[in-house]
All heavy atoms as atom14 arrays in JSON, in Angstrom:
{
  "sequence": "FGLPLAFSVTDIDAISGWKPQIEAAERLARSG",
  "atom14_mask": [
    [1, 1, 1, 1, 1, 1, 1, 1, 1, 1, 1, 0, 0, 0],
    [1, 1, 1, 1, 0, 0, 0, 0, 0, 0, 0, 0, 0, 0],
    [1, 1, 1, 1, 1, 1, 1, 1, 0, 0, 0, 0, 0, 0],
    [1, 1, 1, 1, 1, 1, 1, 0, 0, 0, 0, 0, 0, 0],
    [1, 1, 1, 1, 1, 1, 1, 1, 0, 0, 0, 0, 0, 0],
    [1, 1, 1, 1, 1, 0, 0, 0, 0, 0, 0, 0, 0, 0],
    [1, 1, 1, 1, 1, 1, 1, 1, 1, 1, 1, 0, 0, 0],
    [1, 1, 1, 1, 1, 1, 0, 0, 0, 0, 0, 0, 0, 0],
    [1, 1, 1, 1, 1, 1, 1, 0, 0, 0, 0, 0, 0, 0],
    [1, 1, 1, 1, 1, 1, 1, 0, 0, 0, 0, 0, 0, 0],
    [1, 1, 1, 1, 1, 1, 1, 1, 0, 0, 0, 0, 0, 0],
    [1, 1, 1, 1, 1, 1, 1, 1, 0, 0, 0, 0, 0, 0],
    [1, 1, 1, 1, 1, 1, 1, 1, 0, 0, 0, 0, 0, 0],
    [1, 1, 1, 1, 1, 0, 0, 0, 0, 0, 0, 0, 0, 0],
    [1, 1, 1, 1, 1, 1, 1, 1, 0, 0, 0, 0, 0, 0],
    [1, 1, 1, 1, 1, 1, 0, 0, 0, 0, 0, 0, 0, 0],
    [1, 1, 1, 1, 0, 0, 0, 0, 0, 0, 0, 0, 0, 0],
    [1, 1, 1, 1, 1, 1, 1, 1, 1, 1, 1, 1, 1, 1],
    [1, 1, 1, 1, 1, 1, 1, 1, 1, 0, 0, 0, 0, 0],
    [1, 1, 1, 1, 1, 1, 1, 0, 0, 0, 0, 0, 0, 0],
    [1, 1, 1, 1, 1, 1, 1, 1, 1, 0, 0, 0, 0, 0],
    [1, 1, 1, 1, 1, 1, 1, 1, 0, 0, 0, 0, 0, 0],
    [1, 1, 1, 1, 1, 1, 1, 1, 1, 0, 0, 0, 0, 0],
    [1, 1, 1, 1, 1, 0, 0, 0, 0, 0, 0, 0, 0, 0],
    [1, 1, 1, 1, 1, 0, 0, 0, 0, 0, 0, 0, 0, 0],
    [1, 1, 1, 1, 1, 1, 1, 1, 1, 0, 0, 0, 0, 0],
    [1, 1, 1, 1, 1, 1, 1, 1, 1, 1, 1, 0, 0, 0],
    [1, 1, 1, 1, 1, 1, 1, 1, 0, 0, 0, 0, 0, 0],
    [1, 1, 1, 1, 1, 0, 0, 0, 0, 0, 0, 0, 0, 0],
    [1, 1, 1, 1, 1, 1, 1, 1, 1, 1, 1, 0, 0, 0],
    [1, 1, 1, 1, 1, 1, 0, 0, 0, 0, 0, 0, 0, 0],
    [1, 1, 1, 1, 0, 0, 0, 0, 0, 0, 0, 0, 0, 0]
  ],
  "atom14_positions": [
    [[-2.85, 2.23, 6.49], [-3.76, 1.23, 7.0], [-4.97, 1.81, 7.69], [-4.79, 2.61, 8.61], [-3.0, 0.24, 7.9], [-3.83, -0.88, 8.31], [-4.05, -2.06, 7.45], [-4.49, -0.92, 9.53], [-4.89, -3.07, 7.79], [-5.28, -2.02, 9.86], [-5.45, -3.09, 9.06], [0.0, 0.0, 0.0], [0.0, 0.0, 0.0], [0.0, 0.0, 0.0]],
    [[-6.14, 1.47, 7.27], [-7.32, 2.01, 7.93], [-7.88, 3.22, 7.14], [-9.04, 3.51, 7.4], [0.0, 0.0, 0.0], [0.0, 0.0, 0.0], [0.0, 0.0, 0.0], [0.0, 0.0, 0.0], [0.0, 0.0, 0.0], [0.0, 0.0, 0.0], [0.0, 0.0, 0.0], [0.0, 0.0, 0.0], [0.0, 0.0, 0.0], [0.0, 0.0, 0.0]],
    [[-7.07, 3.79, 6.31], [-7.58, 4.9, 5.39], [-8.21, 4.26, 4.11], [-7.95, 3.04, 3.88], [-6.43, 5.86, 5.09], [-5.83, 6.64, 6.14], [-4.67, 7.47, 5.65], [-6.84, 7.49, 6.82], [0.0, 0.0, 0.0], [0.0, 0.0, 0.0], [0.0, 0.0, 0.0], [0.0, 0.0, 0.0], [0.0, 0.0, 0.0], [0.0, 0.0, 0.0]],
    [[-8.95, 5.02, 3.37], [-9.45, 4.49, 2.17], [-8.37, 3.9, 1.29], [-7.24, 4.36, 1.25], [-10.12, 5.67, 1.46], [-10.66, 6.57, 2.63], [-9.52, 6.35, 3.71], [0.0, 0.0, 0.0], [0.0, 0.0, 0.0], [0.0, 0.0, 0.0], [0.0, 0.0, 0.0], [0.0, 0.0, 0.0], [0.0, 0.0, 0.0], [0.0, 0.0, 0.0]],
    [[-8.71, 2.99, 0.49], [-7.77, 2.13, -0.23], [-6.9, 3.01, -1.21], [-5.73, 2.65, -1.4], [-8.51, 1.07, -1.15], [-7.59, -0.02, -1.68], [-6.78, -0.79, -0.66], [-8.58, -0.98, -2.43], [0.0, 0.0, 0.0], [0.0, 0.0, 0.0], [0.0, 0.0, 0.0], [0.0, 0.0, 0.0], [0.0, 0.0, 0.0], [0.0, 0.0, 0.0]],
    [[-7.47, 4.11, -1.69], [-6.59, 4.91, -2.56], [-5.34, 5.45, -1.95], [-4.42, 5.75, -2.62], [-7.51, 6.16, -3.03], [0.0, 0.0, 0.0], [0.0, 0.0, 0.0], [0.0, 0.0, 0.0], [0.0, 0.0, 0.0], [0.0, 0.0, 0.0], [0.0, 0.0, 0.0], [0.0, 0.0, 0.0], [0.0, 0.0, 0.0], [0.0, 0.0, 0.0]],
    [[-5.41, 5.64, -0.65], [-4.21, 6.23, 0.03], [-3.05, 5.15, -0.04], [-1.83, 5.56, 0.13], [-4.49, 6.47, 1.5], [-5.29, 7.76, 1.65], [-6.65, 7.7, 1.53], [-4.74, 8.94, 1.93], [-7.53, 8.84, 1.7], [-5.54, 10.13, 2.13], [-6.87, 10.05, 1.98], [0.0, 0.0, 0.0], [0.0, 0.0, 0.0], [0.0, 0.0, 0.0]],
    [[-3.3, 3.85, -0.12], [-2.28, 2.81, -0.14], [-1.33, 3.04, -1.29], [-0.2, 2.59, -1.15], [-2.95, 1.48, -0.23], [-3.76, 1.14, 0.82], [0.0, 0.0, 0.0], [0.0, 0.0, 0.0], [0.0, 0.0, 0.0], [0.0, 0.0, 0.0], [0.0, 0.0, 0.0], [0.0, 0.0, 0.0], [0.0, 0.0, 0.0], [0.0, 0.0, 0.0]],
    [[-1.8, 3.65, -2.33], [-0.88, 3.88, -3.5], [0.33, 4.62, -3.07], [1.44, 4.48, -3.63], [-1.63, 4.64, -4.65], [-0.72, 4.99, -5.77], [-2.82, 3.72, -5.1], [0.0, 0.0, 0.0], [0.0, 0.0, 0.0], [0.0, 0.0, 0.0], [0.0, 0.0, 0.0], [0.0, 0.0, 0.0], [0.0, 0.0, 0.0], [0.0, 0.0, 0.0]],
    [[0.27, 5.54, -2.12], [1.39, 6.29, -1.65], [2.45, 5.45, -1.08], [3.65, 5.83, -1.1], [0.95, 7.43, -0.7], [0.49, 6.81, 0.53], [-0.14, 8.31, -1.27], [0.0, 0.0, 0.0], [0.0, 0.0, 0.0], [0.0, 0.0, 0.0], [0.0, 0.0, 0.0], [0.0, 0.0, 0.0], [0.0, 0.0, 0.0], [0.0, 0.0, 0.0]],
    [[2.13, 4.26, -0.52], [3.15, 3.38, 0.06], [3.89, 2.59, -0.96], [4.93, 1.94, -0.59], [2.5, 2.49, 1.06], [2.17, 3.17, 2.42], [2.94, 4.1, 2.78], [1.19, 2.82, 3.1], [0.0, 0.0, 0.0], [0.0, 0.0, 0.0], [0.0, 0.0, 0.0], [0.0, 0.0, 0.0], [0.0, 0.0, 0.0], [0.0, 0.0, 0.0]],
    [[3.36, 2.54, -2.11], [4.05, 1.67, -3.16], [5.41, 2.27, -3.53], [6.35, 1.58, -4.04], [3.16, 1.51, -4.42], [1.83, 0.79, -4.07], [3.84, 0.67, -5.44], [2.06, -0.61, -3.43], [0.0, 0.0, 0.0], [0.0, 0.0, 0.0], [0.0, 0.0, 0.0], [0.0, 0.0, 0.0], [0.0, 0.0, 0.0], [0.0, 0.0, 0.0]],
    [[5.5, 3.58, -3.42], [6.79, 4.22, -3.73], [7.96, 3.64, -2.89], [7.78, 3.34, -1.72], [6.71, 5.7, -3.34], [7.85, 6.63, -3.9], [8.93, 6.15, -3.8], [7.53, 7.65, -4.54], [0.0, 0.0, 0.0], [0.0, 0.0, 0.0], [0.0, 0.0, 0.0], [0.0, 0.0, 0.0], [0.0, 0.0, 0.0], [0.0, 0.0, 0.0]],
    [[9.09, 3.41, -3.46], [10.22, 2.82, -2.82], [10.71, 3.58, -1.62], [11.46, 3.05, -0.87], [11.34, 2.62, -3.85], [0.0, 0.0, 0.0], [0.0, 0.0, 0.0], [0.0, 0.0, 0.0], [0.0, 0.0, 0.0], [0.0, 0.0, 0.0], [0.0, 0.0, 0.0], [0.0, 0.0, 0.0], [0.0, 0.0, 0.0], [0.0, 0.0, 0.0]],
    [[10.34, 4.9, -1.52], [10.72, 5.66, -0.37], [10.09, 5.18, 0.86], [10.67, 5.25, 1.98], [10.34, 7.18, -0.53], [11.04, 7.76, -1.82], [10.6, 7.98, 0.65], [10.68, 9.13, -2.17], [0.0, 0.0, 0.0], [0.0, 0.0, 0.0], [0.0, 0.0, 0.0], [0.0, 0.0, 0.0], [0.0, 0.0, 0.0], [0.0, 0.0, 0.0]],
    [[9.01, 4.54, 0.84], [8.34, 3.95, 2.06], [9.14, 2.84, 2.58], [9.98, 2.13, 1.92], [6.87, 3.49, 1.59], [6.14, 4.5, 1.07], [0.0, 0.0, 0.0], [0.0, 0.0, 0.0], [0.0, 0.0, 0.0], [0.0, 0.0, 0.0], [0.0, 0.0, 0.0], [0.0, 0.0, 0.0], [0.0, 0.0, 0.0], [0.0, 0.0, 0.0]],
    [[8.87, 2.53, 3.87], [9.46, 1.35, 4.42], [8.95, 0.07, 3.71], [7.95, 0.1, 3.16], [0.0, 0.0, 0.0], [0.0, 0.0, 0.0], [0.0, 0.0, 0.0], [0.0, 0.0, 0.0], [0.0, 0.0, 0.0], [0.0, 0.0, 0.0], [0.0, 0.0, 0.0], [0.0, 0.0, 0.0], [0.0, 0.0, 0.0], [0.0, 0.0, 0.0]],
    [[9.76, -1.03, 3.72], [9.39, -2.16, 2.95], [8.1, -2.88, 3.5], [7.26, -3.28, 2.69], [10.6, -3.19, 3.0], [10.45, -4.26, 2.0], [9.9, -4.2, 0.76], [10.91, -5.58, 2.12], [9.93, -5.44, 0.06], [10.56, -6.34, 1.0], [11.51, -6.34, 3.18], [10.85, -7.62, 0.8], [11.87, -7.65, 2.94], [11.49, -8.32, 1.81]],
    [[7.93, -2.88, 4.85], [6.81, -3.54, 5.35], [5.52, -2.84, 4.96], [4.56, -3.51, 4.38], [6.93, -3.69, 6.89], [5.75, -4.45, 7.54], [6.01, -4.77, 8.98], [4.97, -5.61, 9.57], [3.68, -4.98, 9.79], [0.0, 0.0, 0.0], [0.0, 0.0, 0.0], [0.0, 0.0, 0.0], [0.0, 0.0, 0.0], [0.0, 0.0, 0.0]],
    [[5.38, -1.47, 5.18], [4.19, -0.8, 4.7], [3.99, -0.94, 3.18], [2.89, -0.92, 2.67], [4.31, 0.62, 5.19], [5.74, 0.77, 5.53], [6.21, -0.54, 5.92], [0.0, 0.0, 0.0], [0.0, 0.0, 0.0], [0.0, 0.0, 0.0], [0.0, 0.0, 0.0], [0.0, 0.0, 0.0], [0.0, 0.0, 0.0], [0.0, 0.0, 0.0]],
    [[5.16, -1.01, 2.45], [5.06, -1.14, 1.06], [4.45, -2.48, 0.68], [3.48, -2.54, -0.22], [6.44, -1.0, 0.42], [6.4, -0.98, -1.1], [7.86, -0.94, -1.71], [8.84, -1.4, -1.06], [7.92, -0.47, -2.99], [0.0, 0.0, 0.0], [0.0, 0.0, 0.0], [0.0, 0.0, 0.0], [0.0, 0.0, 0.0], [0.0, 0.0, 0.0]],
    [[4.86, -3.56, 1.33], [4.29, -4.87, 1.09], [2.81, -4.88, 1.38], [1.97, -5.38, 0.62], [5.0, -5.94, 1.81], [6.46, -6.11, 1.33], [4.29, -7.3, 1.72], [7.24, -7.1, 2.14], [0.0, 0.0, 0.0], [0.0, 0.0, 0.0], [0.0, 0.0, 0.0], [0.0, 0.0, 0.0], [0.0, 0.0, 0.0], [0.0, 0.0, 0.0]],
    [[2.43, -4.34, 2.59], [1.14, -4.34, 3.11], [0.16, -3.59, 2.06], [-0.93, -4.04, 1.75], [1.0, -3.77, 4.44], [1.63, -4.7, 5.53], [1.75, -4.02, 6.84], [1.74, -2.78, 6.9], [1.83, -4.71, 7.85], [0.0, 0.0, 0.0], [0.0, 0.0, 0.0], [0.0, 0.0, 0.0], [0.0, 0.0, 0.0], [0.0, 0.0, 0.0]],
    [[0.63, -2.38, 1.67], [-0.13, -1.63, 0.68], [-0.33, -2.42, -0.68], [-1.34, -2.43, -1.21], [0.55, -0.34, 0.45], [0.0, 0.0, 0.0], [0.0, 0.0, 0.0], [0.0, 0.0, 0.0], [0.0, 0.0, 0.0], [0.0, 0.0, 0.0], [0.0, 0.0, 0.0], [0.0, 0.0, 0.0], [0.0, 0.0, 0.0], [0.0, 0.0, 0.0]],
    [[0.81, -3.01, -1.12], [0.78, -3.77, -2.35], [-0.19, -4.89, -2.27], [-0.98, -5.27, -3.25], [2.16, -4.27, -2.75], [0.0, 0.0, 0.0], [0.0, 0.0, 0.0], [0.0, 0.0, 0.0], [0.0, 0.0, 0.0], [0.0, 0.0, 0.0], [0.0, 0.0, 0.0], [0.0, 0.0, 0.0], [0.0, 0.0, 0.0], [0.0, 0.0, 0.0]],
    [[-0.31, -5.56, -1.09], [-1.28, -6.66, -0.92], [-2.64, -6.14, -0.96], [-3.57, -6.82, -1.55], [-0.94, -7.39, 0.4], [0.33, -8.23, 0.35], [0.6, -8.91, 1.62], [-0.04, -8.63, 2.68], [1.33, -9.97, 1.6], [0.0, 0.0, 0.0], [0.0, 0.0, 0.0], [0.0, 0.0, 0.0], [0.0, 0.0, 0.0], [0.0, 0.0, 0.0]],
    [[-2.89, -5.02, -0.32], [-4.29, -4.46, -0.34], [-4.73, -4.14, -1.74], [-5.84, -4.43, -2.16], [-4.39, -3.3, 0.51], [-4.23, -3.54, 2.05], [-4.71, -2.28, 2.9], [-3.84, -1.2, 2.74], [-2.73, -0.95, 3.49], [-2.33, -1.88, 4.4], [-2.05, 0.21, 3.3], [0.0, 0.0, 0.0], [0.0, 0.0, 0.0], [0.0, 0.0, 0.0]],
    [[-3.8, -3.46, -2.53], [-4.15, -3.12, -3.89], [-4.25, -4.3, -4.79], [-5.05, -4.34, -5.71], [-3.12, -2.14, -4.4], [-3.12, -0.79, -3.59], [-1.94, 0.06, -4.06], [-4.43, 0.0, -4.0], [0.0, 0.0, 0.0], [0.0, 0.0, 0.0], [0.0, 0.0, 0.0], [0.0, 0.0, 0.0], [0.0, 0.0, 0.0], [0.0, 0.0, 0.0]],
    [[-3.4, -5.34, -4.58], [-3.57, -6.56, -5.43], [-4.81, -7.24, -5.16], [-5.46, -7.8, -6.07], [-2.28, -7.49, -5.15], [0.0, 0.0, 0.0], [0.0, 0.0, 0.0], [0.0, 0.0, 0.0], [0.0, 0.0, 0.0], [0.0, 0.0, 0.0], [0.0, 0.0, 0.0], [0.0, 0.0, 0.0], [0.0, 0.0, 0.0], [0.0, 0.0, 0.0]],
    [[-5.22, -7.25, -3.89], [-6.5, -7.96, -3.48], [-7.7, -7.25, -4.16], [-8.63, -7.95, -4.58], [-6.62, -7.84, -1.95], [-7.71, -8.77, -1.48], [-7.74, -8.66, 0.03], [-6.54, -9.31, 0.73], [-5.65, -8.57, 1.48], [-5.85, -7.26, 1.6], [-4.7, -9.13, 2.06], [0.0, 0.0, 0.0], [0.0, 0.0, 0.0], [0.0, 0.0, 0.0]],
    [[-7.64, -5.94, -4.32], [-8.69, -5.21, -4.92], [-8.64, -5.14, -6.54], [-9.59, -4.71, -7.19], [-8.76, -3.73, -4.45], [-7.74, -2.99, -5.08], [0.0, 0.0, 0.0], [0.0, 0.0, 0.0], [0.0, 0.0, 0.0], [0.0, 0.0, 0.0], [0.0, 0.0, 0.0], [0.0, 0.0, 0.0], [0.0, 0.0, 0.0], [0.0, 0.0, 0.0]],
    [[-7.53, -5.73, -7.07], [-7.34, -5.71, -8.5], [-6.66, -4.5, -9.01], [-6.53, -4.32, -10.26], [0.0, 0.0, 0.0], [0.0, 0.0, 0.0], [0.0, 0.0, 0.0], [0.0, 0.0, 0.0], [0.0, 0.0, 0.0], [0.0, 0.0, 0.0], [0.0, 0.0, 0.0], [0.0, 0.0, 0.0], [0.0, 0.0, 0.0], [0.0, 0.0, 0.0]]
  ]
}
């Protein structure tokens, strides 16, 4: 969060915690 949007892709991996995974998925879904 706060880094360029491309970094959010790393949180989509199931290894990440669920909350950051959801937040990253929402950011990426919002951008298409």
